[in-house]
Amino acid sequence: MPYTAEAFQNEFLALGATEVNAIVTVASSGAEGGRRTAGATEIIIVDCSGSMMAEGRMAAARQAAKAAVNCIDDGVRFAIIAGVSTAQQLFPAPGELAVATPESRARAVGAIDRLQANGGTAIGAWLRLAGQLFAQRPGDIAHAILLTDGENGEYQGYLESVLAEIGGSFTCDCRGVGTNWTVSELRKVAAAMLGTVDIVARPQDLTVAFEQMMTAAMGKTAADVQLKVWTPVNSTVRFVKQVEPQVADLTGKRVADGPRAGRYPLGSWGSESRDYHVCVDVTAGAAGDEMLAARVSVVEGDVVHAQTLVRAVWTEDSALSTRINRQVAHYTGQAELAEAIQQGIEARKAGDDRTATLKFGRAAQLAHESGNKATEELLATVVDIEDAATGTVRLRRKVDAADEMALDTRSTKTVRVGRAQ
């Protein structure tokens, strides 16, 4: 599976400087002929709690789940979990995985028609059952869709313990329907499972959302790609973050690979490109000193697909050392943008209008500067943007809950340097 890796940085550092930054762009053209290099397993988890009866959400969820099943390729293993106060496997028989064929998809669609809204919300239990089913197929491209409309009802700490146990063992894309669920809760799940989180405000939009997620999943051709970062003696990795297509901090997911290297999970891959911000702390050098600050590799198991180098050169020439690399500056701004939005939302909820105005103003400024039009438009549903260039905004007295949740969930979506949305 052909990969490329390319580092963008200003390698020149001022005397005394010890921080090296680079944006590493990883691209893959996908497996030859679009064939998977591993098997694939899909699990659809549908919240069937009592609240799903409201606003036609249960009927819409049934339609969406059926549409997703019909997007599953022949030969892919799959299962459907009905999420209530416990996790109940709806299809196939408990503990089993079906193989996708026209016949098995038709049986699954029939089973989905039996879904009824009745019970509570137990996201940890749902994910644990999914993890047990995925464990039957080690090495598969493992992906789940999780739909909920409410807050988790399990005892405090249970969901976190499940995520600590199974985090990263499969990808989980989370969707909240309506406005009675908690963004931070689903974001926690998505972050642990290398997935995405978003709002589907209107039940009638669930089918399109499910089809898009399943179609994207069917395009994945490699199961477990990793970024391996090697650093020399007296150098340490400060952080590794995905910065495009969305911000995701991978630093805490590091797994040591020998004394000087660590691996960071990138999840499953198809034909796509992503950007990562690698920050390394080094020992300061003298004028003219050069060093290899990091070697960054794209790996699957023992196979190295691509490699790029991050360098450091110390100079007395301030014209060189103060030049900020365009990619590094852009993505530093995109990460700040996501943080400013989330802090603005928290401040607004807490009644701190002054902080909320400052944070949303900074967010509007950053979105404008980086050409992130989608985020700028979302901001405009929560504040009146009087001058995006200077970050001058006014809080709106009345904000639709769905608009605020859309801004929150999509705050981590970024745009590539020079690319308009």
Foldseek 3Di string as FASTA:
>chain_A
DFKEKDWFFQQEAAFPDFKFKIKIKMFDQFDVVLAAPFAAEEEEEEEQAQVCPPQVLLVLVLLQVLLLLVLDDAQHWYWYWYFFLAIHTQDDPPPDTDGDDPVRSVVVSVSSVPRHRHHHGAPLRNVLSLQSSVVVGPQHQYEYEHEDAAEHDDPPPSSVVSLVVCFQVHAYAYEYEAQHYDLVVVVVVRLRRVYAYAYDDHSNCSNVVSNVVSNVSSQFRGFKKKKKKFFDPQKDWPFKWWQPQFTHTQRVVWDDDPDGMTITTNGTHGRGMTMMMTMMGHGGDDAQDKDFGIKIFIDDVPDTNYIDTGMHHYHNDCVSNVDGGQQVVLSVLLVLLLVLLVQLLVCVVVVNQVSNLVSLLSNLCSCVVQQVVVLNVLSCQQWPQPDSVRSHIGGDPDHDSNSSRRNNRCSGRDDGHPDHD
